[in-house]
Amino acid sequence: MAYRVYLVDDDRFLLDLYAIKFRDAGHEVAVFSGGEDLLAALRKESAPVPDVILLDLIMPGISGFETLETIRKERLAKGTKIVILSNQGQDSDIEKAKQLQADGYIIKASAIPSEVFAETLRTIEGGRSAATGGIS
């Protein structure tokens, strides 16, 4: 089954790397360089709803947490799984992600692209794994 994947990161290299991984597997991918771009896309009435959003935390402009808070407050992307994909792996960050109802948490430095891909598919399909820092 093909999924609609939104990638949000200010690191162009990582965006391209993950986009290629998902596209090569037959998924539809949209990339965003920051939270503002993502929110603008989600607010469009005709915008397709993604199956999953992979969201970095540290970005210029509004942070990933601020983006996630806005998504929740404005009830954007209903039914979309949101996975934090960040190098921030402190317990306080993981706890905050849980409080904001993130569906997963992957630490970039601890996961190769194929692991990020597999964990994302598990999250979309309803499974949880703590192997790469997933939220349980």
Protein backbone atom coordinates (compact mmCIF):
# COMPACT_ATOMS: atom_id res chain seq x y z
CA MET A 1 0.00 0.00 0.00
CA ALA A 2 1.29 3.46 -0.90
CA TYR A 3 1.22 6.19 1.73
CA ARG A 4 1.37 9.98 1.60
CA VAL A 5 4.44 11.07 3.59
CA TYR A 6 5.28 14.64 4.62
CA LEU A 7 8.90 15.29 5.63
CA VAL A 8 9.75 18.45 7.60
CA ASP A 9 13.41 19.31 8.19
CA ASP A 10 15.67 22.28 7.54
CA ASP A 11 18.49 19.93 6.48
CA ARG A 12 18.14 19.64 2.70
CA PHE A 13 20.45 16.63 2.50
CA LEU A 14 18.33 14.63 4.98
CA LEU A 15 15.11 15.72 3.29
CA ASP A 16 16.40 14.42 -0.04
CA LEU A 17 17.76 11.22 1.51
CA TYR A 18 14.48 10.30 3.20
CA ALA A 19 12.37 11.46 0.24
CA ILE A 20 14.29 9.13 -2.09
CA LYS A 21 13.89 6.23 0.36
CA PHE A 22 10.11 6.63 0.53
CA ARG A 23 9.62 7.44 -3.17
CA ASP A 24 11.68 4.43 -4.27
CA ALA A 25 9.26 2.28 -2.25
CA GLY A 26 6.28 3.77 -4.12
CA HIS A 27 5.08 6.32 -1.57
CA GLU A 28 3.98 9.87 -2.34
CA VAL A 29 6.29 12.39 -0.65
CA ALA A 30 6.10 16.12 0.01
CA VAL A 31 9.02 17.94 1.61
CA PHE A 32 8.94 21.09 3.74
CA SER A 33 11.93 23.08 4.98
CA GLY A 34 10.17 24.30 8.11
CA GLY A 35 7.08 24.31 10.25
CA GLU A 36 5.62 27.41 8.60
CA ASP A 37 5.63 25.72 5.18
CA LEU A 38 4.00 22.60 6.58
CA LEU A 39 1.28 24.53 8.42
CA ALA A 40 0.51 26.59 5.30
CA ALA A 41 0.07 23.37 3.30
CA LEU A 42 -2.11 21.73 5.96
CA ARG A 43 -4.36 24.80 6.21
CA LYS A 44 -5.30 24.69 2.52
CA GLU A 45 -8.83 23.36 2.19
CA SER A 46 -8.04 21.27 -0.85
CA ALA A 47 -4.84 19.85 0.65
CA PRO A 48 -4.61 16.07 0.75
CA VAL A 49 -4.24 14.68 4.25
CA PRO A 50 -0.94 12.88 4.76
CA ASP A 51 -0.75 9.44 6.33
CA VAL A 52 2.33 10.48 8.31
CA ILE A 53 4.38 13.58 9.06
CA LEU A 54 8.06 13.14 9.98
CA LEU A 55 8.87 16.27 11.95
CA ASP A 56 12.26 17.61 13.02
CA LEU A 57 12.37 19.59 16.28
CA ILE A 58 15.19 22.09 15.79
CA MET A 59 14.43 24.34 12.84
CA PRO A 60 14.64 28.06 12.15
CA GLY A 61 11.38 29.95 12.61
CA ILE A 62 8.96 27.85 14.59
CA SER A 63 10.25 24.66 16.19
CA GLY A 64 8.90 21.18 15.65
CA PHE A 65 7.18 21.29 19.02
CA GLU A 66 5.52 24.61 18.17
CA THR A 67 4.45 23.14 14.84
CA LEU A 68 3.01 20.06 16.55
CA GLU A 69 1.20 22.22 19.12
CA THR A 70 -0.37 24.26 16.31
CA ILE A 71 -1.42 21.13 14.42
CA ARG A 72 -3.15 19.84 17.56
CA LYS A 73 -4.70 23.19 18.52
CA GLU A 74 -6.08 23.89 15.03
CA ARG A 75 -7.03 20.25 14.49
CA LEU A 76 -5.05 20.03 11.27
CA ALA A 77 -4.17 16.73 9.64
CA LYS A 78 -6.85 14.69 11.38
CA GLY A 79 -5.98 11.00 11.39
CA THR A 80 -2.37 11.68 10.44
CA LYS A 81 0.39 9.93 12.39
CA ILE A 82 3.09 12.34 13.53
CA VAL A 83 6.58 11.02 14.18
CA ILE A 84 9.29 13.21 15.67
CA LEU A 85 12.55 12.66 13.77
CA SER A 86 15.24 14.54 15.64
CA ASN A 87 18.72 14.39 17.10
CA GLN A 88 17.19 15.64 20.36
CA GLY A 89 16.89 12.49 22.45
CA GLN A 90 16.63 13.83 25.99
CA ASP A 91 13.94 12.31 28.17
CA SER A 92 12.32 15.74 28.51
CA ASP A 93 11.93 15.99 24.72
CA ILE A 94 10.46 12.50 24.46
CA GLU A 95 8.07 13.28 27.33
CA LYS A 96 6.98 16.54 25.67
CA ALA A 97 6.35 14.65 22.42
CA LYS A 98 4.13 12.21 24.34
CA GLN A 99 2.22 15.10 25.93
CA LEU A 100 1.62 16.57 22.46
CA GLN A 101 0.34 13.18 21.28
CA ALA A 102 3.17 12.38 18.88
CA ASP A 103 2.76 8.86 17.53
CA GLY A 104 6.47 8.07 17.48
CA TYR A 105 9.92 9.40 18.22
CA ILE A 106 13.01 8.48 16.23
CA ILE A 107 16.46 9.75 17.09
CA LYS A 108 18.21 10.48 13.79
CA ALA A 109 21.71 9.72 15.05
CA SER A 110 20.59 6.27 16.24
CA ALA A 111 18.74 5.17 13.10
CA ILE A 112 19.87 4.58 9.54
CA PRO A 113 17.43 5.57 6.76
CA SER A 114 16.12 2.01 6.33
CA GLU A 115 15.29 1.92 10.06
CA VAL A 116 13.53 5.28 9.84
CA PHE A 117 11.57 3.95 6.88
CA ALA A 118 10.61 0.70 8.66
CA GLU A 119 9.68 2.46 11.91
CA THR A 120 7.55 4.98 10.00
CA LEU A 121 5.63 2.20 8.25
CA ARG A 122 5.10 0.41 11.59
CA THR A 123 3.71 3.62 13.06
CA ILE A 124 1.35 4.19 10.12
CA GLU A 125 0.13 0.63 10.31
CA GLY A 126 -0.49 0.80 14.05
CA GLY A 127 2.51 -0.96 15.51
CA ARG A 128 4.90 0.58 18.03
CA SER A 129 8.53 -0.20 18.55
CA ALA A 130 10.99 1.22 21.03
CA ALA A 131 13.97 0.02 18.98
CA THR A 132 14.72 3.46 17.60
CA GLY A 133 13.22 5.53 20.37
CA GLY A 134 9.56 5.03 19.52
CA ILE A 135 7.02 6.24 22.03
CA SER A 136 5.29 3.42 23.85
